Protein backbone atom coordinates (compact mmCIF):
# COMPACT_ATOMS: atom_id res chain seq x y z
CA MET A 1 -102.27 37.28 132.73
CA ALA A 2 -103.07 33.65 133.58
CA ARG A 3 -101.38 32.07 136.55
CA PRO A 4 -98.69 29.55 135.64
CA ARG A 5 -99.37 25.88 136.23
CA ILE A 6 -97.74 24.60 139.42
CA HIS A 7 -98.45 20.91 138.81
CA ASP A 8 -97.81 18.91 135.69
CA ILE A 9 -100.94 17.80 133.79
CA GLU A 10 -99.35 14.44 133.03
CA THR A 11 -98.98 13.81 136.78
CA MET A 12 -102.70 14.54 137.23
CA LEU A 13 -103.63 12.18 134.37
CA ASP A 14 -101.36 9.50 135.85
CA ALA A 15 -103.09 9.91 139.22
CA THR A 16 -106.50 9.61 137.51
CA GLU A 17 -105.44 6.39 135.83
CA ARG A 18 -103.98 4.98 139.00
CA LEU A 19 -107.16 5.65 140.99
CA ALA A 20 -109.40 4.21 138.32
CA ALA A 21 -107.19 1.11 137.89
CA ARG A 22 -106.79 0.52 141.60
CA ASP A 23 -110.21 1.46 143.01
CA GLY A 24 -112.59 1.80 140.04
CA VAL A 25 -113.63 4.79 138.02
CA ALA A 26 -116.46 5.65 140.43
CA THR A 27 -113.79 6.61 143.03
CA VAL A 28 -112.23 9.16 140.70
CA THR A 29 -113.23 12.49 142.20
CA MET A 30 -111.44 15.78 141.81
CA ARG A 31 -110.42 15.68 145.49
CA ALA A 32 -109.13 12.09 145.26
CA VAL A 33 -107.11 12.88 142.15
CA ALA A 34 -105.63 15.99 143.73
CA THR A 35 -104.61 13.97 146.79
CA GLU A 36 -103.17 11.15 144.66
CA ALA A 37 -101.22 13.66 142.58
CA GLY A 38 -99.99 15.61 145.58
CA ALA A 39 -101.71 18.73 144.31
CA SER A 40 -104.31 21.08 145.70
CA ASN A 41 -107.91 20.95 144.52
CA GLY A 42 -107.38 24.44 143.14
CA ALA A 43 -104.41 23.28 141.01
CA LEU A 44 -106.52 20.47 139.59
CA TYR A 45 -109.47 22.78 138.82
CA HIS A 46 -107.01 25.23 137.25
CA SER A 47 -106.25 22.55 134.66
CA PHE A 48 -109.61 20.79 134.37
CA GLU A 49 -113.06 22.38 134.73
CA SER A 50 -114.78 19.19 135.89
CA ARG A 51 -114.41 15.49 136.63
CA ALA A 52 -115.87 14.80 133.16
CA GLU A 53 -113.15 16.89 131.49
CA LEU A 54 -110.45 15.20 133.58
CA LEU A 55 -111.75 11.72 132.63
CA ALA A 56 -112.05 12.72 129.01
CA HIS A 57 -108.43 13.93 128.86
CA THR A 58 -107.28 10.80 130.64
CA TRP A 59 -109.23 8.62 128.13
CA LEU A 60 -107.80 10.57 125.19
CA ARG A 61 -104.24 10.06 126.36
CA ALA A 62 -104.77 6.33 127.02
CA MET A 63 -106.51 5.92 123.65
CA GLU A 64 -103.67 7.72 121.86
CA ARG A 65 -101.18 5.38 123.50
CA TYR A 66 -103.25 2.33 122.51
CA VAL A 67 -103.77 3.41 118.89
CA THR A 68 -100.06 4.16 118.55
CA ILE A 69 -99.23 0.65 119.68
CA ALA A 70 -101.99 -1.03 117.72
CA ALA A 71 -101.38 0.84 114.47
CA GLU A 72 -98.74 -1.47 113.01
CA PRO A 73 -100.43 -4.82 113.75
CA VAL A 74 -103.81 -3.43 112.62
CA ALA A 75 -102.25 -2.09 109.42
CA ARG A 76 -100.81 -5.55 108.80
CA THR A 77 -104.27 -7.04 109.34
CA VAL A 78 -105.79 -4.63 106.87
CA ALA A 79 -103.06 -5.30 104.31
CA THR A 80 -103.10 -9.10 104.54
CA GLY A 81 -106.46 -9.96 106.08
CA ALA A 82 -104.69 -11.92 108.78
CA HIS A 83 -103.01 -11.53 112.14
CA VAL A 84 -106.00 -10.07 114.01
CA ALA A 85 -104.63 -11.70 117.12
CA ASP A 86 -101.53 -9.43 116.86
CA GLY A 87 -103.87 -6.45 117.00
CA ALA A 88 -105.64 -8.01 119.96
CA LEU A 89 -102.29 -8.33 121.73
CA ALA A 90 -101.70 -4.60 121.32
CA ILE A 91 -103.58 -3.90 124.54
CA VAL A 92 -101.26 -6.35 126.23
CA VAL A 93 -98.30 -4.31 124.98
CA LEU A 94 -100.09 -1.22 126.27
CA GLY A 95 -100.49 -3.00 129.60
CA GLU A 96 -96.77 -3.71 129.74
CA ARG A 97 -95.75 -0.13 128.85
CA PHE A 98 -98.57 1.77 130.53
CA PRO A 99 -100.42 -0.63 132.92
CA ASP A 100 -102.77 1.98 134.32
CA SER A 101 -103.63 3.32 130.85
CA ALA A 102 -104.64 -0.23 129.78
CA ARG A 103 -106.75 -0.76 132.87
CA PHE A 104 -108.29 2.69 132.48
CA LEU A 105 -109.34 1.93 128.88
CA ALA A 106 -110.78 -1.40 129.98
CA ALA A 107 -112.80 0.40 132.66
CA VAL A 108 -113.82 3.51 130.71
CA GLY A 109 -115.00 2.61 127.28
CA VAL A 110 -116.75 4.78 124.73
CA THR A 111 -120.12 4.15 126.35
CA GLU A 112 -118.92 5.15 129.81
CA LEU A 113 -117.30 8.25 128.41
CA ALA A 114 -120.50 9.25 126.66
CA GLU A 115 -122.45 8.84 129.85
CA LEU A 116 -120.44 11.36 131.90
CA SER A 117 -122.86 13.63 133.65
CA ALA A 118 -121.22 16.99 133.01
CA PRO A 119 -120.93 18.47 129.57
CA LEU A 120 -117.42 18.73 128.19
CA PRO A 121 -115.81 21.91 126.90
CA VAL A 122 -116.35 22.17 123.12
CA ASP A 123 -112.71 21.52 122.25
CA VAL A 124 -112.50 18.42 124.50
CA ALA A 125 -115.79 17.05 123.18
CA ALA A 126 -114.50 17.57 119.61
CA ALA A 127 -111.25 15.72 120.44
CA VAL A 128 -113.18 12.81 121.96
CA ALA A 129 -115.50 12.72 118.90
CA ARG A 130 -112.44 12.66 116.55
CA ALA A 131 -110.84 9.85 118.54
CA MET A 132 -114.11 7.85 118.47
CA ARG A 133 -114.46 8.38 114.70
CA ALA A 134 -110.84 7.37 114.12
CA TRP A 135 -111.39 4.24 116.21
CA SER A 136 -114.56 3.41 114.26
CA ARG A 137 -112.74 3.81 110.94
CA LEU A 138 -109.93 1.57 112.16
CA VAL A 139 -112.36 -1.17 113.29
CA ALA A 140 -114.35 -0.92 110.05
CA SER A 141 -111.17 -1.22 107.97
CA VAL A 142 -110.27 -4.45 109.81
CA ALA A 143 -113.78 -5.80 109.28
CA ARG A 144 -113.66 -5.01 105.57
CA ALA A 145 -110.20 -6.59 105.26
CA LEU A 146 -111.37 -9.74 106.97
CA TRP A 147 -114.86 -10.20 105.55
CA GLY A 148 -115.38 -7.60 102.87
CA ARG A 149 -118.03 -5.84 104.93
CA ALA A 150 -118.39 -3.46 107.84
CA ASP A 151 -121.94 -4.15 109.06
CA ARG A 152 -122.96 -3.98 112.70
CA TYR A 153 -122.13 -7.66 113.31
CA ALA A 154 -118.69 -7.34 111.73
CA ILE A 155 -117.91 -4.16 113.73
CA ALA A 156 -119.02 -5.80 116.98
CA THR A 157 -116.91 -8.85 116.27
CA VAL A 158 -113.77 -6.86 115.53
CA THR A 159 -114.34 -4.76 118.64
CA LEU A 160 -114.71 -7.93 120.68
CA CYS A 161 -111.43 -9.24 119.27
CA LEU A 162 -109.45 -5.99 119.71
CA VAL A 163 -110.87 -4.77 123.04
CA GLY A 164 -113.31 -7.12 124.79
CA LEU A 165 -111.38 -10.36 124.79
CA PRO A 166 -107.96 -8.80 125.51
CA ALA A 167 -109.45 -6.93 128.50
CA THR A 168 -111.14 -10.08 129.79
CA ILE A 169 -108.52 -12.71 129.10
CA VAL A 170 -105.15 -11.00 129.29
CA LEU A 171 -105.16 -7.60 130.93
CA ALA A 172 -105.06 -8.88 134.49
CA ARG A 173 -102.40 -11.42 133.55
CA THR A 174 -100.06 -9.63 131.16
CA ASP A 175 -97.07 -11.77 132.10
CA ASP A 176 -98.99 -15.03 131.61
CA ALA A 177 -97.99 -16.74 128.33
CA ALA A 178 -100.97 -19.10 128.60
CA ALA A 179 -103.33 -16.12 128.63
CA ARG A 180 -101.77 -14.82 125.44
CA THR A 181 -102.17 -18.21 123.79
CA GLN A 182 -105.79 -18.35 124.95
CA LEU A 183 -106.43 -14.90 123.48
CA ARG A 184 -104.83 -15.81 120.15
CA VAL A 185 -106.92 -19.03 119.88
CA ALA A 186 -110.10 -17.26 120.90
CA VAL A 187 -109.59 -14.44 118.39
CA GLU A 188 -108.74 -16.83 115.56
CA ALA A 189 -111.89 -18.88 116.29
CA ILE A 190 -114.11 -15.79 116.38
CA VAL A 191 -112.59 -14.43 113.15
CA ALA A 192 -113.15 -17.76 111.43
CA ASN A 193 -116.79 -17.77 112.61
CA GLY A 194 -117.24 -14.13 111.51
CA ARG A 195 -116.60 -15.05 107.87
CA ARG A 196 -120.14 -16.40 107.52
């Protein structure tokens, strides 16, 4: 019979996000997370086999939160071919509701997740792959709605609008109305240029 969990997994994921947001993802070690969560190393290892698995679970939760928030404005973009800036502001809403999740996603993108040194358990790797495919489909659907194509340039442009610019312009200044305006103007200009 397996031992019962003493510490809540959500608390451990929160601690991982806090550490990554505050000190950078390189500082996220199993020992640092356990300390931040007020748990023992053993309790953390009881829930997660490795740092890579812990980071993957944290990324999956943050991504799920982001996609939930972005779904409505992105669906509107796909339906009307407009309002991409509303989708870009979804990460701002994420930052307001879950500030550490937003900062974590800005710090740990798909590339960083793929570069984790330890292999992931099969089920976790499959969940990450599903989330990445879902994100790719979402981005491609926006590109097709805007420009009628989903080539590499279109995908990169939509990704810049939905992730890169919001992380750069707004994430550190979520309460700054000027930053939101700057983001909206920048996204609209990029989308107009992407029509070529």
